[in-house]
Amino acid sequence: MKHLFSCSVFIPPKPATKSNINHIKSIEDSLPHLSELEKEALVEAKKYKIEDSKVSEIDHFES
């Protein structure tokens, strides 16, 4: 039997900044019981930015 999982991913609407990364970290800190999939999704969310309606990878991110 297959288990289906889903989770929401927050991608900052502006280029990644220290304040956006701190916001994501505060979300992580407030959710102590994350599944592995949710943890992975948060890490992935830090790798991308949306700028001019286009998604792109950022050069450097903090995990």
Protein backbone atom coordinates (compact mmCIF):
# COMPACT_ATOMS: atom_id res chain seq x y z
CA MET A 1 0.00 0.00 0.00
CA LYS A 2 1.40 3.38 -0.99
CA HIS A 3 1.36 6.29 1.44
CA LEU A 4 0.85 9.69 -0.08
CA PHE A 5 2.31 12.69 1.69
CA SER A 6 1.99 16.35 0.93
CA CYS A 7 3.35 19.51 2.40
CA SER A 8 3.38 23.20 1.60
CA VAL A 9 6.64 24.87 0.66
CA PHE A 10 7.33 28.52 1.39
CA ILE A 11 9.41 30.24 -1.27
CA PRO A 12 10.26 33.85 -0.45
CA PRO A 13 8.61 36.24 -2.93
CA LYS A 14 11.76 38.34 -3.20
CA PRO A 15 15.42 37.44 -3.65
CA ALA A 16 16.71 35.54 -0.65
CA THR A 17 17.81 37.87 2.12
CA LYS A 18 19.01 37.31 5.63
CA SER A 19 15.59 38.36 6.97
CA ASN A 20 13.80 35.84 4.71
CA ILE A 21 16.17 33.07 5.84
CA ASN A 22 15.60 34.10 9.48
CA HIS A 23 11.84 33.98 8.87
CA ILE A 24 12.12 30.42 7.52
CA LYS A 25 14.30 29.44 10.50
CA SER A 26 11.70 30.84 12.92
CA ILE A 27 9.07 28.68 11.21
CA GLU A 28 11.35 25.64 11.56
CA ASP A 29 11.95 26.40 15.25
CA SER A 30 8.22 26.67 15.93
CA LEU A 31 7.52 23.23 14.41
CA PRO A 32 9.49 20.72 16.48
CA HIS A 33 7.88 17.56 15.08
CA LEU A 34 8.52 17.85 11.36
CA SER A 35 8.58 14.74 9.21
CA GLU A 36 11.63 14.04 7.07
CA LEU A 37 9.68 15.17 4.00
CA GLU A 38 8.76 18.48 5.65
CA LYS A 39 12.38 19.05 6.75
CA GLU A 40 13.58 18.34 3.22
CA ALA A 41 10.97 20.72 1.78
CA LEU A 42 12.14 23.55 4.07
CA VAL A 43 15.76 22.99 3.01
CA GLU A 44 14.72 23.02 -0.65
CA ALA A 45 12.69 26.21 -0.17
CA LYS A 46 15.85 28.04 0.89
CA LYS A 47 17.54 27.24 -2.44
CA TYR A 48 15.19 29.23 -4.66
CA LYS A 49 13.87 32.74 -5.15
CA ILE A 50 11.07 34.25 -7.19
CA GLU A 51 11.96 37.43 -9.04
CA ASP A 52 9.91 38.97 -11.85
CA SER A 53 7.61 35.91 -11.77
CA LYS A 54 10.55 33.57 -12.47
CA VAL A 55 11.89 30.93 -10.11
CA SER A 56 15.66 30.63 -9.94
CA GLU A 57 18.26 29.07 -7.69
CA ILE A 58 20.20 31.31 -5.35
CA ASP A 59 23.99 31.08 -5.41
CA HIS A 60 24.42 30.42 -1.69
CA PHE A 61 21.99 29.33 0.98
CA GLU A 62 22.17 28.36 4.64
CA SER A 63 20.79 24.97 5.59
